[in-house]
Amino acid sequence: MVFEKITAIIAEHLGCSADSISRNSTFEDLGIDSLDTVEMVMQLEGDLGIELELENKLSTVGELVEFVESKL
């Protein structure tokens, strides 16, 4: 569920297909900068009703999924 939600947000943000995003996709490869990341995390917080404090820099979609799942 979390992976699908994150890929949907990324796909919407980038205007691409969610199917083209994998757990191993890096934010750099996807062209996502730190401002994009903040915006997407804020959207995730609203959609999931949780608060996410990013303590460490996350590099891949999979790392973000694991981080979000640890907060649920």
PDB file of N, CA and C in Angstrom:
ATOM      1  N   MET A   1       0.809  -1.186   0.000  1.00  0.00           N
ATOM      2  CA  MET A   1       0.000   0.000   0.000  1.00  0.00           C
ATOM      3  C   MET A   1       0.859   1.259   0.000  1.00  0.00           C
ATOM      4  N   VAL A   2       1.889   1.310   0.842  1.00  0.00           N
ATOM      5  CA  VAL A   2       2.744   2.495   0.931  1.00  0.00           C
ATOM      6  C   VAL A   2       3.508   2.695  -0.374  1.00  0.00           C
ATOM      7  N   PHE A   3       4.063   1.618  -0.920  1.00  0.00           N
ATOM      8  CA  PHE A   3       4.807   1.715  -2.182  1.00  0.00           C
ATOM      9  C   PHE A   3       3.912   2.272  -3.287  1.00  0.00           C
ATOM     10  N   GLU A   4       2.705   1.757  -3.389  1.00  0.00           N
ATOM     11  CA  GLU A   4       1.786   2.210  -4.430  1.00  0.00           C
ATOM     12  C   GLU A   4       1.430   3.684  -4.245  1.00  0.00           C
ATOM     13  N   LYS A   5       1.231   4.103  -2.997  1.00  0.00           N
ATOM     14  CA  LYS A   5       0.895   5.497  -2.708  1.00  0.00           C
ATOM     15  C   LYS A   5       2.048   6.406  -3.098  1.00  0.00           C
ATOM     16  N   ILE A   6       3.259   6.009  -2.719  1.00  0.00           N
ATOM     17  CA  ILE A   6       4.438   6.822  -3.026  1.00  0.00           C
ATOM     18  C   ILE A   6       4.669   6.901  -4.531  1.00  0.00           C
ATOM     19  N   THR A   7       4.565   5.775  -5.221  1.00  0.00           N
ATOM     20  CA  THR A   7       4.787   5.814  -6.672  1.00  0.00           C
ATOM     21  C   THR A   7       3.710   6.639  -7.370  1.00  0.00           C
ATOM     22  N   ALA A   8       2.484   6.612  -6.856  1.00  0.00           N
ATOM     23  CA  ALA A   8       1.414   7.429  -7.445  1.00  0.00           C
ATOM     24  C   ALA A   8       1.723   8.912  -7.268  1.00  0.00           C
ATOM     25  N   ILE A   9       2.204   9.296  -6.095  1.00  0.00           N
ATOM     26  CA  ILE A   9       2.548  10.700  -5.839  1.00  0.00           C
ATOM     27  C   ILE A   9       3.713  11.128  -6.726  1.00  0.00           C
ATOM     28  N   ILE A  10       4.735  10.285  -6.820  1.00  0.00           N
ATOM     29  CA  ILE A  10       5.891  10.613  -7.663  1.00  0.00           C
ATOM     30  C   ILE A  10       5.466  10.734  -9.119  1.00  0.00           C
ATOM     31  N   ALA A  11       4.683   9.785  -9.582  1.00  0.00           N
ATOM     32  CA  ALA A  11       4.235   9.793 -10.977  1.00  0.00           C
ATOM     33  C   ALA A  11       3.422  11.045 -11.275  1.00  0.00           C
ATOM     34  N   GLU A  12       2.537  11.411 -10.353  1.00  0.00           N
ATOM     35  CA  GLU A  12       1.728  12.615 -10.535  1.00  0.00           C
ATOM     36  C   GLU A  12       2.628  13.845 -10.576  1.00  0.00           C
ATOM     37  N   HIS A  13       3.598  13.885  -9.677  1.00  0.00           N
ATOM     38  CA  HIS A  13       4.513  15.021  -9.579  1.00  0.00           C
ATOM     39  C   HIS A  13       5.369  15.166 -10.831  1.00  0.00           C
ATOM     40  N   LEU A  14       5.813  14.033 -11.372  1.00  0.00           N
ATOM     41  CA  LEU A  14       6.715  14.056 -12.526  1.00  0.00           C
ATOM     42  C   LEU A  14       5.986  13.956 -13.861  1.00  0.00           C
ATOM     43  N   GLY A  15       4.712  13.594 -13.819  1.00  0.00           N
ATOM     44  CA  GLY A  15       3.968  13.422 -15.055  1.00  0.00           C
ATOM     45  C   GLY A  15       4.404  12.200 -15.837  1.00  0.00           C
ATOM     46  N   CYS A  16       4.695  11.120 -15.096  1.00  0.00           N
ATOM     47  CA  CYS A  16       5.102   9.871 -15.747  1.00  0.00           C
ATOM     48  C   CYS A  16       4.215   8.730 -15.237  1.00  0.00           C
ATOM     49  N   SER A  17       4.467   7.532 -15.732  1.00  0.00           N
ATOM     50  CA  SER A  17       3.701   6.365 -15.316  1.00  0.00           C
ATOM     51  C   SER A  17       4.270   5.795 -14.015  1.00  0.00           C
ATOM     52  N   ALA A  18       3.378   5.447 -13.080  1.00  0.00           N
ATOM     53  CA  ALA A  18       3.812   4.828 -11.824  1.00  0.00           C
ATOM     54  C   ALA A  18       4.520   3.503 -12.083  1.00  0.00           C
ATOM     55  N   ASP A  19       4.169   2.840 -13.196  1.00  0.00           N
ATOM     56  CA  ASP A  19       4.799   1.559 -13.531  1.00  0.00           C
ATOM     57  C   ASP A  19       6.286   1.704 -13.834  1.00  0.00           C
ATOM     58  N   SER A  20       6.727   2.921 -14.158  1.00  0.00           N
ATOM     59  CA  SER A  20       8.134   3.135 -14.499  1.00  0.00           C
ATOM     60  C   SER A  20       9.001   3.365 -13.264  1.00  0.00           C
ATOM     61  N   ILE A  21       8.374   3.357 -12.080  1.00  0.00           N
ATOM     62  CA  ILE A  21       9.094   3.619 -10.829  1.00  0.00           C
ATOM     63  C   ILE A  21       9.210   2.323 -10.035  1.00  0.00           C
ATOM     64  N   SER A  22      10.436   2.004  -9.607  1.00  0.00           N
ATOM     65  CA  SER A  22      10.652   0.795  -8.806  1.00  0.00           C
ATOM     66  C   SER A  22      11.218   1.180  -7.445  1.00  0.00           C
ATOM     67  N   ARG A  23      11.305   0.206  -6.561  1.00  0.00           N
ATOM     68  CA  ARG A  23      11.901   0.442  -5.241  1.00  0.00           C
ATOM     69  C   ARG A  23      13.369   0.857  -5.367  1.00  0.00           C
ATOM     70  N   ASN A  24      14.021   0.428  -6.442  1.00  0.00           N
ATOM     71  CA  ASN A  24      15.434   0.740  -6.638  1.00  0.00           C
ATOM     72  C   ASN A  24      15.663   2.065  -7.350  1.00  0.00           C
ATOM     73  N   SER A  25      14.582   2.704  -7.808  1.00  0.00           N
ATOM     74  CA  SER A  25      14.718   3.999  -8.480  1.00  0.00           C
ATOM     75  C   SER A  25      15.278   5.016  -7.492  1.00  0.00           C
ATOM     76  N   THR A  26      16.316   5.730  -7.912  1.00  0.00           N
ATOM     77  CA  THR A  26      16.852   6.780  -7.045  1.00  0.00           C
ATOM     78  C   THR A  26      16.148   8.081  -7.376  1.00  0.00           C
ATOM     79  N   PHE A  27      16.069   8.948  -6.383  1.00  0.00           N
ATOM     80  CA  PHE A  27      15.433  10.242  -6.605  1.00  0.00           C
ATOM     81  C   PHE A  27      16.229  11.042  -7.628  1.00  0.00           C
ATOM     82  N   GLU A  28      17.546  10.872  -7.598  1.00  0.00           N
ATOM     83  CA  GLU A  28      18.404  11.560  -8.566  1.00  0.00           C
ATOM     84  C   GLU A  28      18.074  11.108  -9.992  1.00  0.00           C
ATOM     85  N   ASP A  29      17.963   9.801 -10.188  1.00  0.00           N
ATOM     86  CA  ASP A  29      17.627   9.273 -11.514  1.00  0.00           C
ATOM     87  C   ASP A  29      16.263   9.765 -11.987  1.00  0.00           C
ATOM     88  N   LEU A  30      15.340   9.937 -11.038  1.00  0.00           N
ATOM     89  CA  LEU A  30      13.994  10.393 -11.376  1.00  0.00           C
ATOM     90  C   LEU A  30      13.935  11.907 -11.581  1.00  0.00           C
ATOM     91  N   GLY A  31      15.028  12.594 -11.245  1.00  0.00           N
ATOM     92  CA  GLY A  31      15.055  14.044 -11.390  1.00  0.00           C
ATOM     93  C   GLY A  31      14.345  14.771 -10.264  1.00  0.00           C
ATOM     94  N   ILE A  32      14.327  14.154  -9.087  1.00  0.00           N
ATOM     95  CA  ILE A  32      13.649  14.730  -7.923  1.00  0.00           C
ATOM     96  C   ILE A  32      14.691  15.409  -7.043  1.00  0.00           C
ATOM     97  N   ASP A  33      14.491  16.715  -6.798  1.00  0.00           N
ATOM     98  CA  ASP A  33      15.426  17.426  -5.935  1.00  0.00           C
ATOM     99  C   ASP A  33      14.862  17.527  -4.515  1.00  0.00           C
ATOM    100  N   SER A  34      15.596  18.214  -3.641  1.00  0.00           N
ATOM    101  CA  SER A  34      15.189  18.261  -2.234  1.00  0.00           C
ATOM    102  C   SER A  34      13.856  18.987  -2.046  1.00  0.00           C
ATOM    103  N   LEU A  35      13.581  20.009  -2.842  1.00  0.00           N
ATOM    104  CA  LEU A  35      12.298  20.706  -2.732  1.00  0.00           C
ATOM    105  C   LEU A  35      11.153  19.787  -3.140  1.00  0.00           C
ATOM    106  N   ASP A  36      11.359  19.022  -4.219  1.00  0.00           N
ATOM    107  CA  ASP A  36      10.352  18.042  -4.645  1.00  0.00           C
ATOM    108  C   ASP A  36      10.084  17.043  -3.520  1.00  0.00           C
ATOM    109  N   THR A  37      11.147  16.599  -2.882  1.00  0.00           N
ATOM    110  CA  THR A  37      11.023  15.607  -1.807  1.00  0.00           C
ATOM    111  C   THR A  37      10.178  16.165  -0.663  1.00  0.00           C
ATOM    112  N   VAL A  38      10.438  17.404  -0.266  1.00  0.00           N
ATOM    113  CA  VAL A  38       9.680  18.032   0.813  1.00  0.00           C
ATOM    114  C   VAL A  38       8.204  18.100   0.443  1.00  0.00           C
ATOM    115  N   GLU A  39       7.913  18.514  -0.780  1.00  0.00           N
ATOM    116  CA  GLU A  39       6.515  18.619  -1.226  1.00  0.00           C
ATOM    117  C   GLU A  39       5.823  17.263  -1.204  1.00  0.00           C
ATOM    118  N   MET A  40       6.531  16.232  -1.656  1.00  0.00           N
ATOM    119  CA  MET A  40       5.937  14.894  -1.687  1.00  0.00           C
ATOM    120  C   MET A  40       5.740  14.338  -0.283  1.00  0.00           C
ATOM    121  N   VAL A  41       6.690  14.593   0.621  1.00  0.00           N
ATOM    122  CA  VAL A  41       6.551  14.138   2.007  1.00  0.00           C
ATOM    123  C   VAL A  41       5.349  14.828   2.659  1.00  0.00           C
ATOM    124  N   MET A  42       5.165  16.115   2.384  1.00  0.00           N
ATOM    125  CA  MET A  42       4.009  16.830   2.934  1.00  0.00           C
ATOM    126  C   MET A  42       2.711  16.227   2.407  1.00  0.00           C
ATOM    127  N   GLN A  43       2.679  15.865   1.145  1.00  0.00           N
ATOM    128  CA  GLN A  43       1.488  15.232   0.577  1.00  0.00           C
ATOM    129  C   GLN A  43       1.249  13.871   1.222  1.00  0.00           C
ATOM    130  N   LEU A  44       2.319  13.109   1.421  1.00  0.00           N
ATOM    131  CA  LEU A  44       2.201  11.802   2.087  1.00  0.00           C
ATOM    132  C   LEU A  44       1.654  11.962   3.497  1.00  0.00           C
ATOM    133  N   GLU A  45       2.161  12.952   4.221  1.00  0.00           N
ATOM    134  CA  GLU A  45       1.683  13.188   5.583  1.00  0.00           C
ATOM    135  C   GLU A  45       0.173  13.437   5.587  1.00  0.00           C
ATOM    136  N   GLY A  46      -0.277  14.257   4.664  1.00  0.00           N
ATOM    137  CA  GLY A  46      -1.700  14.551   4.582  1.00  0.00           C
ATOM    138  C   GLY A  46      -2.522  13.342   4.188  1.00  0.00           C
ATOM    139  N   ASP A  47      -2.029  12.605   3.194  1.00  0.00           N
ATOM    140  CA  ASP A  47      -2.769  11.442   2.696  1.00  0.00           C
ATOM    141  C   ASP A  47      -2.837  10.321   3.723  1.00  0.00           C
ATOM    142  N   LEU A  48      -1.750  10.133   4.470  1.00  0.00           N
ATOM    143  CA  LEU A  48      -1.684   9.014   5.412  1.00  0.00           C
ATOM    144  C   LEU A  48      -2.022   9.418   6.843  1.00  0.00           C
ATOM    145  N   GLY A  49      -2.128  10.725   7.098  1.00  0.00           N
ATOM    146  CA  GLY A  49      -2.463  11.186   8.439  1.00  0.00           C
ATOM    147  C   GLY A  49      -1.383  10.933   9.459  1.00  0.00           C
ATOM    148  N   ILE A  50      -0.128  11.038   9.025  1.00  0.00           N
ATOM    149  CA  ILE A  50       0.997  10.839   9.942  1.00  0.00           C
ATOM    150  C   ILE A  50       1.982  11.986   9.779  1.00  0.00           C
ATOM    151  N   GLU A  51       2.880  12.110  10.739  1.00  0.00           N
ATOM    152  CA  GLU A  51       3.926  13.127  10.657  1.00  0.00           C
ATOM    153  C   GLU A  51       5.244  12.442  10.353  1.00  0.00           C
ATOM    154  N   LEU A  52       5.954  12.947   9.359  1.00  0.00           N
ATOM    155  CA  LEU A  52       7.223  12.350   8.944  1.00  0.00           C
ATOM    156  C   LEU A  52       8.342  13.361   9.116  1.00  0.00           C
ATOM    157  N   GLU A  53       9.282  13.064   9.990  1.00  0.00           N
ATOM    158  CA  GLU A  53      10.463  13.898  10.156  1.00  0.00           C
ATOM    159  C   GLU A  53      11.631  13.173   9.515  1.00  0.00           C
ATOM    160  N   LEU A  54      12.103  13.709   8.404  1.00  0.00           N
ATOM    161  CA  LEU A  54      13.220  13.075   7.709  1.00  0.00           C
ATOM    162  C   LEU A  54      14.523  13.426   8.419  1.00  0.00           C
ATOM    163  N   GLU A  55      15.059  12.470   9.169  1.00  0.00           N
ATOM    164  CA  GLU A  55      16.310  12.690   9.880  1.00  0.00           C
ATOM    165  C   GLU A  55      17.502  12.460   8.959  1.00  0.00           C
ATOM    166  N   ASN A  56      17.366  11.498   8.094  1.00  0.00           N
ATOM    167  CA  ASN A  56      18.466  11.130   7.201  1.00  0.00           C
ATOM    168  C   ASN A  56      18.052  11.344   5.755  1.00  0.00           C
ATOM    169  N   LYS A  57      19.044  11.562   4.914  1.00  0.00           N
ATOM    170  CA  LYS A  57      18.769  11.716   3.497  1.00  0.00           C
ATOM    171  C   LYS A  57      18.438  10.337   2.914  1.00  0.00           C
ATOM    172  N   LEU A  58      17.343  10.266   2.220  1.00  0.00           N
ATOM    173  CA  LEU A  58      16.934   9.016   1.579  1.00  0.00           C
ATOM    174  C   LEU A  58      17.267   9.119   0.103  1.00  0.00           C
ATOM    175  N   SER A  59      17.787   8.029  -0.470  1.00  0.00           N
ATOM    176  CA  SER A  59      18.245   8.065  -1.855  1.00  0.00           C
ATOM    177  C   SER A  59      17.321   7.360  -2.829  1.00  0.00           C
ATOM    178  N   THR A  60      16.598   6.349  -2.346  1.00  0.00           N
ATOM    179  CA  THR A  60      15.777   5.553  -3.255  1.00  0.00           C
ATOM    180  C   THR A  60      14.317   5.533  -2.815  1.00  0.00           C
ATOM    181  N   VAL A  61      13.474   5.159  -3.728  1.00  0.00           N
ATOM    182  CA  VAL A  61      12.049   5.009  -3.437  1.00  0.00           C
ATOM    183  C   VAL A  61      11.867   3.955  -2.346  1.00  0.00           C
ATOM    184  N   GLY A  62      12.615   2.862  -2.431  1.00  0.00           N
ATOM    185  CA  GLY A  62      12.529   1.796  -1.430  1.00  0.00           C
ATOM    186  C   GLY A  62      12.865   2.278  -0.028  1.00  0.00           C
ATOM    187  N   GLU A  63      13.881   3.138   0.089  1.00  0.00           N
ATOM    188  CA  GLU A  63      14.244   3.688   1.405  1.00  0.00           C
ATOM    189  C   GLU A  63      13.110   4.545   1.956  1.00  0.00           C
ATOM    190  N   LEU A  64      12.460   5.316   1.087  1.00  0.00           N
ATOM    191  CA  LEU A  64      11.334   6.136   1.526  1.00  0.00           C
ATOM    192  C   LEU A  64      10.169   5.254   1.964  1.00  0.00           C
ATOM    193  N   VAL A  65       9.914   4.185   1.225  1.00  0.00           N
ATOM    194  CA  VAL A  65       8.835   3.250   1.583  1.00  0.00           C
ATOM    195  C   VAL A  65       9.101   2.663   2.975  1.00  0.00           C
ATOM    196  N   GLU A  66      10.326   2.190   3.207  1.00  0.00           N
ATOM    197  CA  GLU A  66      10.671   1.588   4.488  1.00  0.00           C
ATOM    198  C   GLU A  66      10.537   2.605   5.625  1.00  0.00           C
ATOM    199  N   PHE A  67      10.959   3.842   5.361  1.00  0.00           N
ATOM    200  CA  PHE A  67      10.859   4.901   6.371  1.00  0.00           C
ATOM    201  C   PHE A  67       9.405   5.169   6.734  1.00  0.00           C
ATOM    202  N   VAL A  68       8.558   5.315   5.724  1.00  0.00           N
ATOM    203  CA  VAL A  68       7.138   5.592   5.965  1.00  0.00           C
ATOM    204  C   VAL A  68       6.486   4.425   6.699  1.00  0.00           C
ATOM    205  N   GLU A  69       6.784   3.200   6.268  1.00  0.00           N
ATOM    206  CA  GLU A  69       6.196   2.020   6.918  1.00  0.00           C
ATOM    207  C   GLU A  69       6.597   1.953   8.396  1.00  0.00           C
ATOM    208  N   SER A  70       7.807   2.397   8.718  1.00  0.00           N
ATOM    209  CA  SER A  70       8.258   2.361  10.120  1.00  0.00           C
ATOM    210  C   SER A  70       7.486   3.354  10.982  1.00  0.00           C
ATOM    211  N   LYS A  71       6.840   4.335  10.360  1.00  0.00           N
ATOM    212  CA  LYS A  71       6.092   5.362  11.093  1.00  0.00           C
ATOM    213  C   LYS A  71       4.612   5.032  11.225  1.00  0.00           C
ATOM    214  N   LEU A  72       4.160   3.995  10.520  1.00  0.00           N
ATOM    215  CA  LEU A  72       2.731   3.629  10.564  1.00  0.00           C
ATOM    216  C   LEU A  72       2.412   2.766  11.766  1.00  0.00           C
TER     217      LEU A  72
END
